[in-house]
Amino acid sequence: MPKTLEERFQRLEDIEAIRQLKARYCEACDDDHNAEAISALFVEDGVWTGTGGPPHAQGRAAIREYMNSVRASGRIRNSAHMLMNPVIRVDGEHATGSWRLLMMFTGNAKGGSTQYHRIIGRYENEFVRRDGKWYFQRLHVTVVESGAYAAEESKLGEV
């Protein structure tokens, strides 16, 4: 645990930098799975994994390829990542972080119609600082529950 004022301040700066990194990840995912932006947030040998559906991708090129495949499939559109309950632990040049996840999105149902979905899950991440900047070393998403939900077409877009 940090003892000096400088160490305590550095810890807070690191936690905020990691929160911002995670926010950029969610923003890039919600930008139609912007593969370039997402892969740039990982170290070169970073790992993206998931349970409950998503595959394993190791290295920026594989992460970029996977995110491009998500975009091309059209199965996740207009996504909105909502993260809660962050727990971030910093230990020198390494850190861990966990968040609860609620994600809403539209996608294609069988027959081509639009369907509305939600995912409930958890992110478990490992971070590393390189040249003074934080990156994902490993991102793991666990999907606890997912499925379609009903929405009235006439109400969509109304405030």
N, C-alpha and C. Protein backbone atom coordinates (compact mmCIF):
# COMPACT_ATOMS: atom_id res chain seq x y z
N MET A 1 0.85 -1.19 0.00
CA MET A 1 0.00 0.00 0.00
C MET A 1 0.89 1.25 0.00
N PRO A 2 0.55 2.25 -0.83
CA PRO A 2 1.37 3.46 -0.90
C PRO A 2 1.41 4.18 0.45
N LYS A 3 2.58 4.68 0.77
CA LYS A 3 2.75 5.34 2.05
C LYS A 3 2.96 6.83 1.93
N THR A 4 3.83 7.24 1.00
CA THR A 4 4.10 8.66 0.87
C THR A 4 2.99 9.35 0.09
N LEU A 5 2.94 10.64 0.24
CA LEU A 5 1.95 11.43 -0.50
C LEU A 5 2.15 11.26 -2.00
N GLU A 6 3.40 11.23 -2.45
CA GLU A 6 3.70 11.04 -3.87
C GLU A 6 3.21 9.67 -4.37
N GLU A 7 3.44 8.63 -3.59
CA GLU A 7 2.97 7.28 -3.95
C GLU A 7 1.45 7.22 -3.99
N ARG A 8 0.81 7.86 -3.03
CA ARG A 8 -0.66 7.87 -2.99
C ARG A 8 -1.22 8.62 -4.20
N PHE A 9 -0.60 9.74 -4.53
CA PHE A 9 -1.04 10.52 -5.69
C PHE A 9 -0.84 9.73 -6.99
N GLN A 10 0.32 9.05 -7.12
CA GLN A 10 0.59 8.24 -8.31
C GLN A 10 -0.44 7.13 -8.45
N ARG A 11 -0.80 6.50 -7.34
CA ARG A 11 -1.81 5.44 -7.36
C ARG A 11 -3.14 5.97 -7.90
N LEU A 12 -3.56 7.15 -7.44
CA LEU A 12 -4.81 7.74 -7.92
C LEU A 12 -4.72 8.09 -9.41
N GLU A 13 -3.58 8.62 -9.84
CA GLU A 13 -3.41 8.91 -11.27
C GLU A 13 -3.48 7.63 -12.10
N ASP A 14 -2.86 6.57 -11.61
CA ASP A 14 -2.88 5.29 -12.32
C ASP A 14 -4.30 4.74 -12.42
N ILE A 15 -5.03 4.79 -11.33
CA ILE A 15 -6.42 4.30 -11.33
C ILE A 15 -7.25 5.08 -12.34
N GLU A 16 -7.09 6.39 -12.37
CA GLU A 16 -7.86 7.20 -13.32
C GLU A 16 -7.45 6.91 -14.76
N ALA A 17 -6.16 6.70 -15.00
CA ALA A 17 -5.70 6.37 -16.36
C ALA A 17 -6.30 5.03 -16.80
N ILE A 18 -6.39 4.08 -15.90
CA ILE A 18 -6.98 2.78 -16.23
C ILE A 18 -8.49 2.92 -16.48
N ARG A 19 -9.17 3.72 -15.68
CA ARG A 19 -10.60 3.98 -15.93
C ARG A 19 -10.80 4.58 -17.32
N GLN A 20 -9.94 5.52 -17.70
CA GLN A 20 -10.05 6.15 -19.01
C GLN A 20 -9.75 5.15 -20.13
N LEU A 21 -8.78 4.28 -19.92
CA LEU A 21 -8.48 3.23 -20.89
C LEU A 21 -9.70 2.34 -21.09
N LYS A 22 -10.32 1.93 -20.00
CA LYS A 22 -11.51 1.07 -20.10
C LYS A 22 -12.65 1.82 -20.81
N ALA A 23 -12.79 3.11 -20.52
CA ALA A 23 -13.83 3.91 -21.19
C ALA A 23 -13.56 4.00 -22.70
N ARG A 24 -12.29 4.15 -23.10
CA ARG A 24 -11.96 4.19 -24.53
C ARG A 24 -12.27 2.85 -25.20
N TYR A 25 -12.05 1.77 -24.49
CA TYR A 25 -12.38 0.44 -25.01
C TYR A 25 -13.89 0.35 -25.28
N CYS A 26 -14.69 0.74 -24.30
CA CYS A 26 -16.15 0.67 -24.46
C CYS A 26 -16.62 1.59 -25.58
N GLU A 27 -16.04 2.77 -25.66
CA GLU A 27 -16.39 3.72 -26.72
C GLU A 27 -16.07 3.13 -28.10
N ALA A 28 -14.92 2.49 -28.23
CA ALA A 28 -14.54 1.89 -29.52
C ALA A 28 -15.44 0.70 -29.86
N CYS A 29 -15.82 -0.10 -28.86
CA CYS A 29 -16.77 -1.19 -29.11
C CYS A 29 -18.10 -0.64 -29.57
N ASP A 30 -18.55 0.44 -28.94
CA ASP A 30 -19.84 1.03 -29.29
C ASP A 30 -19.78 1.83 -30.59
N ASP A 31 -18.58 2.00 -31.13
CA ASP A 31 -18.39 2.61 -32.45
C ASP A 31 -18.31 1.49 -33.49
N ASP A 32 -19.32 0.63 -33.48
CA ASP A 32 -19.41 -0.49 -34.41
C ASP A 32 -18.16 -1.37 -34.39
N HIS A 33 -17.67 -1.62 -33.19
CA HIS A 33 -16.49 -2.47 -32.98
C HIS A 33 -15.31 -2.00 -33.84
N ASN A 34 -14.90 -0.78 -33.57
CA ASN A 34 -13.79 -0.14 -34.28
C ASN A 34 -12.51 -0.92 -33.97
N ALA A 35 -12.16 -1.82 -34.86
CA ALA A 35 -11.07 -2.76 -34.64
C ALA A 35 -9.72 -2.08 -34.45
N GLU A 36 -9.47 -1.03 -35.21
CA GLU A 36 -8.19 -0.32 -35.09
C GLU A 36 -8.07 0.32 -33.71
N ALA A 37 -9.12 0.99 -33.28
CA ALA A 37 -9.10 1.67 -31.98
C ALA A 37 -9.00 0.67 -30.84
N ILE A 38 -9.72 -0.44 -30.93
CA ILE A 38 -9.70 -1.44 -29.87
C ILE A 38 -8.33 -2.09 -29.77
N SER A 39 -7.80 -2.57 -30.88
CA SER A 39 -6.51 -3.28 -30.84
C SER A 39 -5.37 -2.39 -30.36
N ALA A 40 -5.45 -1.08 -30.61
CA ALA A 40 -4.41 -0.16 -30.18
C ALA A 40 -4.35 0.00 -28.66
N LEU A 41 -5.39 -0.43 -27.96
CA LEU A 41 -5.43 -0.32 -26.50
C LEU A 41 -4.71 -1.48 -25.81
N PHE A 42 -4.29 -2.48 -26.58
CA PHE A 42 -3.62 -3.66 -26.05
C PHE A 42 -2.12 -3.59 -26.33
N VAL A 43 -1.33 -4.22 -25.45
CA VAL A 43 0.08 -4.41 -25.77
C VAL A 43 0.15 -5.37 -26.95
N GLU A 44 1.28 -5.39 -27.62
CA GLU A 44 1.41 -6.18 -28.85
C GLU A 44 1.01 -7.65 -28.67
N ASP A 45 1.33 -8.24 -27.52
CA ASP A 45 0.99 -9.65 -27.27
C ASP A 45 -0.24 -9.79 -26.38
N GLY A 46 -1.06 -8.75 -26.30
CA GLY A 46 -2.25 -8.77 -25.45
C GLY A 46 -3.22 -9.88 -25.82
N VAL A 47 -4.09 -10.20 -24.87
CA VAL A 47 -5.04 -11.30 -25.04
C VAL A 47 -6.45 -10.80 -24.77
N TRP A 48 -7.39 -11.18 -25.64
CA TRP A 48 -8.81 -10.91 -25.48
C TRP A 48 -9.51 -12.27 -25.42
N THR A 49 -10.20 -12.56 -24.31
CA THR A 49 -10.91 -13.83 -24.16
C THR A 49 -12.29 -13.58 -23.59
N GLY A 50 -13.14 -14.60 -23.75
CA GLY A 50 -14.46 -14.51 -23.19
C GLY A 50 -15.06 -15.88 -22.96
N THR A 51 -15.98 -15.93 -22.04
CA THR A 51 -16.75 -17.15 -21.81
C THR A 51 -18.21 -16.86 -22.14
N GLY A 52 -18.94 -17.90 -22.43
CA GLY A 52 -20.34 -17.70 -22.78
C GLY A 52 -20.52 -17.26 -24.21
N GLY A 53 -19.52 -17.47 -25.05
CA GLY A 53 -19.69 -17.14 -26.46
C GLY A 53 -18.47 -16.62 -27.16
N PRO A 54 -17.84 -15.51 -26.69
CA PRO A 54 -16.73 -14.94 -27.46
C PRO A 54 -15.52 -15.86 -27.50
N PRO A 55 -14.71 -15.77 -28.57
CA PRO A 55 -13.52 -16.63 -28.72
C PRO A 55 -12.29 -16.05 -28.02
N HIS A 56 -11.16 -16.63 -28.30
CA HIS A 56 -9.86 -16.23 -27.77
C HIS A 56 -9.08 -15.57 -28.90
N ALA A 57 -8.48 -14.42 -28.62
CA ALA A 57 -7.63 -13.76 -29.61
C ALA A 57 -6.38 -13.27 -28.90
N GLN A 58 -5.22 -13.63 -29.43
CA GLN A 58 -3.96 -13.21 -28.83
C GLN A 58 -3.17 -12.40 -29.84
N GLY A 59 -2.74 -11.22 -29.39
CA GLY A 59 -1.99 -10.31 -30.23
C GLY A 59 -2.89 -9.28 -30.89
N ARG A 60 -2.34 -8.11 -31.13
CA ARG A 60 -3.14 -7.02 -31.72
C ARG A 60 -3.78 -7.42 -33.04
N ALA A 61 -3.04 -8.13 -33.88
CA ALA A 61 -3.58 -8.51 -35.20
C ALA A 61 -4.79 -9.43 -35.05
N ALA A 62 -4.72 -10.39 -34.14
CA ALA A 62 -5.84 -11.31 -33.93
C ALA A 62 -7.03 -10.61 -33.30
N ILE A 63 -6.77 -9.69 -32.39
CA ILE A 63 -7.85 -8.91 -31.78
C ILE A 63 -8.53 -8.05 -32.83
N ARG A 64 -7.73 -7.41 -33.67
CA ARG A 64 -8.28 -6.58 -34.76
C ARG A 64 -9.12 -7.44 -35.70
N GLU A 65 -8.63 -8.62 -36.06
CA GLU A 65 -9.36 -9.52 -36.95
C GLU A 65 -10.69 -9.94 -36.33
N TYR A 66 -10.68 -10.28 -35.04
CA TYR A 66 -11.92 -10.68 -34.39
C TYR A 66 -12.93 -9.52 -34.37
N MET A 67 -12.48 -8.33 -34.00
CA MET A 67 -13.39 -7.19 -33.93
C MET A 67 -13.93 -6.84 -35.33
N ASN A 68 -13.09 -6.96 -36.34
CA ASN A 68 -13.57 -6.75 -37.71
C ASN A 68 -14.64 -7.78 -38.08
N SER A 69 -14.48 -9.02 -37.60
CA SER A 69 -15.49 -10.05 -37.90
C SER A 69 -16.81 -9.76 -37.20
N VAL A 70 -16.74 -9.21 -36.00
CA VAL A 70 -17.97 -8.82 -35.29
C VAL A 70 -18.68 -7.73 -36.08
N ARG A 71 -17.92 -6.73 -36.52
CA ARG A 71 -18.49 -5.63 -37.30
C ARG A 71 -19.12 -6.16 -38.59
N ALA A 72 -18.40 -7.00 -39.32
CA ALA A 72 -18.86 -7.51 -40.61
C ALA A 72 -20.10 -8.40 -40.47
N SER A 73 -20.23 -9.08 -39.36
CA SER A 73 -21.36 -10.00 -39.17
C SER A 73 -22.68 -9.27 -39.01
N GLY A 74 -22.64 -8.05 -38.50
CA GLY A 74 -23.88 -7.31 -38.24
C GLY A 74 -24.67 -7.85 -37.06
N ARG A 75 -24.10 -8.81 -36.33
CA ARG A 75 -24.86 -9.40 -35.22
C ARG A 75 -24.93 -8.49 -34.00
N ILE A 76 -24.01 -7.51 -33.92
CA ILE A 76 -24.06 -6.53 -32.84
C ILE A 76 -23.97 -5.14 -33.47
N ARG A 77 -25.06 -4.40 -33.38
CA ARG A 77 -25.10 -3.03 -33.89
C ARG A 77 -25.65 -2.13 -32.79
N ASN A 78 -25.32 -0.86 -32.88
CA ASN A 78 -25.85 0.13 -31.93
C ASN A 78 -25.69 -0.33 -30.49
N SER A 79 -24.51 -0.82 -30.16
CA SER A 79 -24.30 -1.31 -28.80
C SER A 79 -24.06 -0.16 -27.83
N ALA A 80 -24.38 -0.43 -26.58
CA ALA A 80 -24.14 0.52 -25.49
C ALA A 80 -23.61 -0.26 -24.30
N HIS A 81 -22.32 -0.10 -24.03
CA HIS A 81 -21.68 -0.73 -22.87
C HIS A 81 -21.93 0.15 -21.65
N MET A 82 -22.42 -0.44 -20.60
CA MET A 82 -22.60 0.26 -19.33
C MET A 82 -21.86 -0.53 -18.27
N LEU A 83 -20.84 0.10 -17.66
CA LEU A 83 -20.01 -0.57 -16.68
C LEU A 83 -20.27 -0.01 -15.29
N MET A 84 -20.23 -0.92 -14.32
CA MET A 84 -20.50 -0.54 -12.94
C MET A 84 -19.53 -1.23 -11.99
N ASN A 85 -19.47 -0.74 -10.78
CA ASN A 85 -18.75 -1.36 -9.66
C ASN A 85 -17.29 -1.66 -9.98
N PRO A 86 -16.53 -0.66 -10.43
CA PRO A 86 -15.12 -0.94 -10.74
C PRO A 86 -14.30 -1.20 -9.48
N VAL A 87 -13.39 -2.16 -9.59
CA VAL A 87 -12.40 -2.43 -8.56
C VAL A 87 -11.06 -2.50 -9.28
N ILE A 88 -10.19 -1.52 -9.01
CA ILE A 88 -8.90 -1.42 -9.69
C ILE A 88 -7.80 -1.49 -8.64
N ARG A 89 -6.86 -2.41 -8.87
CA ARG A 89 -5.72 -2.58 -7.96
C ARG A 89 -4.43 -2.37 -8.74
N VAL A 90 -3.62 -1.44 -8.27
CA VAL A 90 -2.36 -1.11 -8.94
C VAL A 90 -1.21 -1.65 -8.10
N ASP A 91 -0.26 -2.30 -8.79
CA ASP A 91 0.94 -2.82 -8.15
C ASP A 91 2.13 -2.50 -9.05
N GLY A 92 2.67 -1.31 -8.90
CA GLY A 92 3.80 -0.89 -9.73
C GLY A 92 3.41 -0.71 -11.17
N GLU A 93 4.03 -1.49 -12.06
CA GLU A 93 3.78 -1.39 -13.50
C GLU A 93 2.66 -2.30 -13.97
N HIS A 94 2.02 -2.98 -13.05
CA HIS A 94 0.93 -3.90 -13.36
C HIS A 94 -0.30 -3.53 -12.56
N ALA A 95 -1.47 -3.89 -13.09
CA ALA A 95 -2.72 -3.61 -12.39
C ALA A 95 -3.77 -4.62 -12.81
N THR A 96 -4.79 -4.75 -11.99
CA THR A 96 -5.95 -5.56 -12.34
C THR A 96 -7.19 -4.69 -12.17
N GLY A 97 -8.23 -5.06 -12.89
CA GLY A 97 -9.48 -4.32 -12.76
C GLY A 97 -10.65 -5.21 -13.09
N SER A 98 -11.74 -5.03 -12.36
CA SER A 98 -12.97 -5.77 -12.66
C SER A 98 -14.13 -4.79 -12.69
N TRP A 99 -15.09 -5.08 -13.56
CA TRP A 99 -16.29 -4.28 -13.73
C TRP A 99 -17.47 -5.21 -13.96
N ARG A 100 -18.64 -4.81 -13.53
CA ARG A 100 -19.88 -5.46 -13.94
C ARG A 100 -20.27 -4.83 -15.27
N LEU A 101 -20.93 -5.60 -16.12
CA LEU A 101 -21.28 -5.16 -17.48
C LEU A 101 -22.76 -5.36 -17.74
N LEU A 102 -23.37 -4.34 -18.31
CA LEU A 102 -24.70 -4.45 -18.91
C LEU A 102 -24.54 -3.84 -20.29
N MET A 103 -24.86 -4.62 -21.31
CA MET A 103 -24.73 -4.14 -22.69
C MET A 103 -26.05 -4.36 -23.41
N MET A 104 -26.52 -3.33 -24.05
CA MET A 104 -27.72 -3.40 -24.88
C MET A 104 -27.26 -3.21 -26.32
N PHE A 105 -27.91 -3.93 -27.25
CA PHE A 105 -27.56 -3.77 -28.65
C PHE A 105 -28.67 -4.30 -29.54
N THR A 106 -28.61 -3.90 -30.81
CA THR A 106 -29.52 -4.47 -31.80
C THR A 106 -28.72 -5.42 -32.67
N GLY A 107 -29.41 -6.35 -33.26
CA GLY A 107 -28.75 -7.33 -34.11
C GLY A 107 -29.75 -7.95 -35.06
N ASN A 108 -29.24 -8.80 -35.92
CA ASN A 108 -30.10 -9.47 -36.88
C ASN A 108 -30.65 -10.77 -36.30
N ALA A 109 -31.95 -10.96 -36.41
CA ALA A 109 -32.57 -12.22 -36.04
C ALA A 109 -32.63 -13.10 -37.29
N LYS A 110 -33.00 -14.35 -37.11
CA LYS A 110 -33.16 -15.23 -38.28
C LYS A 110 -34.20 -14.62 -39.19
N GLY A 111 -33.96 -14.65 -40.47
CA GLY A 111 -34.87 -14.06 -41.43
C GLY A 111 -34.54 -12.60 -41.69
N GLY A 112 -33.51 -12.04 -41.02
CA GLY A 112 -33.07 -10.69 -41.31
C GLY A 112 -33.76 -9.59 -40.53
N SER A 113 -34.74 -9.91 -39.68
CA SER A 113 -35.40 -8.85 -38.91
C SER A 113 -34.49 -8.36 -37.78
N THR A 114 -34.78 -7.17 -37.28
CA THR A 114 -34.00 -6.60 -36.19
C THR A 114 -34.48 -7.17 -34.87
N GLN A 115 -33.53 -7.49 -34.01
CA GLN A 115 -33.85 -8.00 -32.68
C GLN A 115 -33.04 -7.19 -31.67
N TYR A 116 -33.61 -7.02 -30.49
CA TYR A 116 -32.98 -6.24 -29.43
C TYR A 116 -32.45 -7.21 -28.38
N HIS A 117 -31.19 -6.99 -27.96
CA HIS A 117 -30.52 -7.92 -27.07
C HIS A 117 -29.93 -7.19 -25.87
N ARG A 118 -29.64 -7.99 -24.84
CA ARG A 118 -28.90 -7.50 -23.70
C ARG A 118 -27.95 -8.58 -23.24
N ILE A 119 -26.84 -8.13 -22.68
CA ILE A 119 -25.84 -9.02 -22.08
C ILE A 119 -25.59 -8.53 -20.66
N ILE A 120 -25.56 -9.44 -19.74
CA ILE A 120 -25.16 -9.15 -18.37
C ILE A 120 -23.88 -9.96 -18.13
N GLY A 121 -22.86 -9.30 -17.62
CA GLY A 121 -21.61 -10.03 -17.44
C GLY A 121 -20.63 -9.31 -16.55
N ARG A 122 -19.40 -9.71 -16.70
CA ARG A 122 -18.32 -9.19 -15.88
C ARG A 122 -17.04 -9.14 -16.71
N TYR A 123 -16.29 -8.06 -16.53
CA TYR A 123 -14.96 -7.94 -17.12
C TYR A 123 -13.92 -8.17 -16.02
N GLU A 124 -12.92 -8.97 -16.34
CA GLU A 124 -11.74 -9.16 -15.49
C GLU A 124 -10.54 -8.83 -16.37
N ASN A 125 -9.81 -7.80 -16.02
CA ASN A 125 -8.74 -7.30 -16.87
C ASN A 125 -7.40 -7.25 -16.15
N GLU A 126 -6.33 -7.41 -16.92
CA GLU A 126 -4.97 -7.19 -16.43
C GLU A 126 -4.37 -6.09 -17.30
N PHE A 127 -3.65 -5.19 -16.66
CA PHE A 127 -3.07 -4.04 -17.34
C PHE A 127 -1.57 -4.00 -17.09
N VAL A 128 -0.87 -3.36 -18.01
CA VAL A 128 0.56 -3.16 -17.86
C VAL A 128 0.89 -1.75 -18.35
N ARG A 129 1.85 -1.13 -17.65
CA ARG A 129 2.29 0.21 -18.06
C ARG A 129 3.55 0.04 -18.92
N ARG A 130 3.50 0.64 -20.10
CA ARG A 130 4.66 0.63 -21.01
C ARG A 130 4.95 2.07 -21.40
N ASP A 131 6.17 2.48 -21.21
CA ASP A 131 6.60 3.85 -21.55
C ASP A 131 5.65 4.89 -20.96
N GLY A 132 5.24 4.67 -19.70
CA GLY A 132 4.41 5.63 -18.99
C GLY A 132 2.93 5.59 -19.33
N LYS A 133 2.50 4.65 -20.16
CA LYS A 133 1.11 4.59 -20.59
C LYS A 133 0.54 3.20 -20.28
N TRP A 134 -0.73 3.16 -19.83
CA TRP A 134 -1.38 1.90 -19.49
C TRP A 134 -2.02 1.26 -20.71
N TYR A 135 -1.91 -0.07 -20.80
CA TYR A 135 -2.50 -0.87 -21.87
C TYR A 135 -3.15 -2.12 -21.27
N PHE A 136 -4.05 -2.71 -22.03
CA PHE A 136 -4.57 -4.03 -21.66
C PHE A 136 -3.49 -5.07 -21.94
N GLN A 137 -3.23 -5.92 -20.95
CA GLN A 137 -2.42 -7.11 -21.16
C GLN A 137 -3.36 -8.27 -21.45
N ARG A 138 -4.47 -8.29 -20.72
CA ARG A 138 -5.47 -9.35 -20.88
C ARG A 138 -6.83 -8.78 -20.55
N LEU A 139 -7.78 -9.01 -21.43
CA LEU A 139 -9.17 -8.63 -21.19
C LEU A 139 -9.99 -9.91 -21.27
N HIS A 140 -10.74 -10.17 -20.23
CA HIS A 140 -11.60 -11.35 -20.21
C HIS A 140 -13.02 -10.90 -19.86
N VAL A 141 -13.96 -11.29 -20.70
CA VAL A 141 -15.37 -11.00 -20.43
C VAL A 141 -16.09 -12.31 -20.17
N THR A 142 -16.85 -12.32 -19.11
CA THR A 142 -17.69 -13.47 -18.78
C THR A 142 -19.14 -13.05 -19.00
N VAL A 143 -19.80 -13.73 -19.90
CA VAL A 143 -21.22 -13.48 -20.14
C VAL A 143 -22.00 -14.37 -19.17
N VAL A 144 -22.71 -13.73 -18.26
CA VAL A 144 -23.48 -14.46 -17.26
C VAL A 144 -24.87 -14.78 -17.81
N GLU A 145 -25.41 -13.84 -18.55
CA GLU A 145 -26.74 -14.01 -19.11
C GLU A 145 -26.85 -13.15 -20.36
N SER A 146 -27.53 -13.68 -21.38
CA SER A 146 -27.78 -12.88 -22.58
C SER A 146 -29.05 -13.36 -23.24
N GLY A 147 -29.63 -12.50 -24.03
CA GLY A 147 -30.83 -12.89 -24.75
C GLY A 147 -31.54 -11.70 -25.33
N ALA A 148 -32.56 -12.01 -26.07
CA ALA A 148 -33.37 -10.98 -26.72
C ALA A 148 -34.38 -10.42 -25.74
N TYR A 149 -34.81 -9.20 -26.01
CA TYR A 149 -35.89 -8.60 -25.24
C TYR A 149 -36.84 -7.92 -26.22
N ALA A 150 -38.06 -7.70 -25.77
CA ALA A 150 -39.08 -7.10 -26.63
C ALA A 150 -39.00 -5.57 -26.56
N ALA A 151 -39.22 -4.94 -27.68
CA ALA A 151 -39.28 -3.49 -27.76
C ALA A 151 -40.37 -3.13 -28.76
N GLU A 152 -41.15 -2.13 -28.41
CA GLU A 152 -42.20 -1.68 -29.32
C GLU A 152 -41.60 -0.75 -30.36
N GLU A 153 -41.71 -1.11 -31.62
CA GLU A 153 -41.15 -0.31 -32.71
C GLU A 153 -41.64 1.13 -32.65
N SER A 154 -42.92 1.34 -32.36
CA SER A 154 -43.47 2.69 -32.37
C SER A 154 -42.90 3.55 -31.26
N LYS A 155 -42.34 2.98 -30.21
CA LYS A 155 -41.80 3.74 -29.09
C LYS A 155 -40.31 4.04 -29.25
N LEU A 156 -39.64 3.32 -30.14
CA LEU A 156 -38.22 3.53 -30.31
C LEU A 156 -37.95 4.91 -30.87
N GLY A 157 -37.00 5.58 -30.29
CA GLY A 157 -36.63 6.92 -30.74
C GLY A 157 -37.44 8.03 -30.11
N GLU A 158 -38.51 7.70 -29.43
CA GLU A 158 -39.31 8.71 -28.75
C GLU A 158 -38.72 8.99 -27.38
N VAL A 159 -38.86 10.22 -26.94
CA VAL A 159 -38.37 10.58 -25.60
C VAL A 159 -39.53 10.79 -24.68
